[in-house]
Amino acid sequence: MEQVDMAKPIELGLVLEGEDALTFHRYIRNPTDTPEGKKLLLEAYEEAENSFLK
């Protein structure tokens, strides 16, 4: 039987504490977006749709 190497575990390098952790959790629960961000997502969606469906 062929030996298969297992994937290495992902090492998390960032640990948020205190106010930074609270700010992050608030953002995750209620993310904000900007018109520029919406435009970027729409462009990415359209590009992916065009390239994957052809």
Protein backbone atom coordinates (compact mmCIF):
# COMPACT_ATOMS: atom_id res chain seq x y z
CA MET A 1 0.00 0.00 0.00
CA GLU A 2 1.32 3.44 -0.92
CA GLN A 3 2.13 5.76 1.98
CA VAL A 4 0.24 9.05 1.92
CA ASP A 5 1.64 12.11 3.65
CA MET A 6 -0.86 13.93 5.82
CA ALA A 7 -1.36 17.66 5.45
CA LYS A 8 0.40 19.85 7.94
CA PRO A 9 -1.88 21.56 10.46
CA ILE A 10 -2.54 25.24 9.89
CA GLU A 11 -0.70 27.36 12.41
CA LEU A 12 -2.72 30.31 13.60
CA GLY A 13 -0.41 33.25 14.15
CA LEU A 14 -2.82 35.95 15.25
CA VAL A 15 -4.56 36.03 18.60
CA LEU A 16 -6.87 38.93 19.32
CA GLU A 17 -7.48 40.00 22.88
CA GLY A 18 -9.47 42.65 24.67
CA GLU A 19 -10.98 45.44 22.60
CA ASP A 20 -9.41 44.08 19.38
CA ALA A 21 -11.25 40.78 19.87
CA LEU A 22 -14.54 42.55 20.60
CA THR A 23 -14.17 44.77 17.54
CA PHE A 24 -13.46 41.74 15.34
CA HIS A 25 -16.47 39.80 16.65
CA ARG A 26 -18.76 42.83 16.17
CA TYR A 27 -17.54 43.16 12.58
CA ILE A 28 -18.05 39.46 11.85
CA ARG A 29 -21.63 39.68 13.15
CA ASN A 30 -22.39 42.88 11.23
CA PRO A 31 -19.87 43.46 8.43
CA THR A 32 -19.73 46.83 6.76
CA ASP A 33 -19.22 47.41 3.10
CA THR A 34 -18.48 50.34 0.86
CA PRO A 35 -19.56 51.14 -2.67
CA GLU A 36 -16.00 50.37 -3.80
CA GLY A 37 -16.11 46.99 -2.05
CA LYS A 38 -19.45 46.12 -3.64
CA LYS A 39 -18.07 47.07 -7.07
CA LEU A 40 -14.99 44.91 -6.52
CA LEU A 41 -17.11 41.90 -5.52
CA LEU A 42 -19.39 42.36 -8.53
CA GLU A 43 -16.39 42.53 -10.87
CA ALA A 44 -14.88 39.40 -9.30
CA TYR A 45 -18.21 37.56 -9.61
CA GLU A 46 -18.61 38.53 -13.26
CA GLU A 47 -15.04 37.56 -14.09
CA ALA A 48 -15.43 34.20 -12.38
CA GLU A 49 -18.75 33.58 -14.09
CA ASN A 50 -17.27 34.37 -17.50
CA SER A 51 -14.14 32.30 -17.06
CA PHE A 52 -15.67 29.20 -15.44
CA LEU A 53 -18.70 28.84 -17.67
CA LYS A 54 -16.89 28.97 -21.01
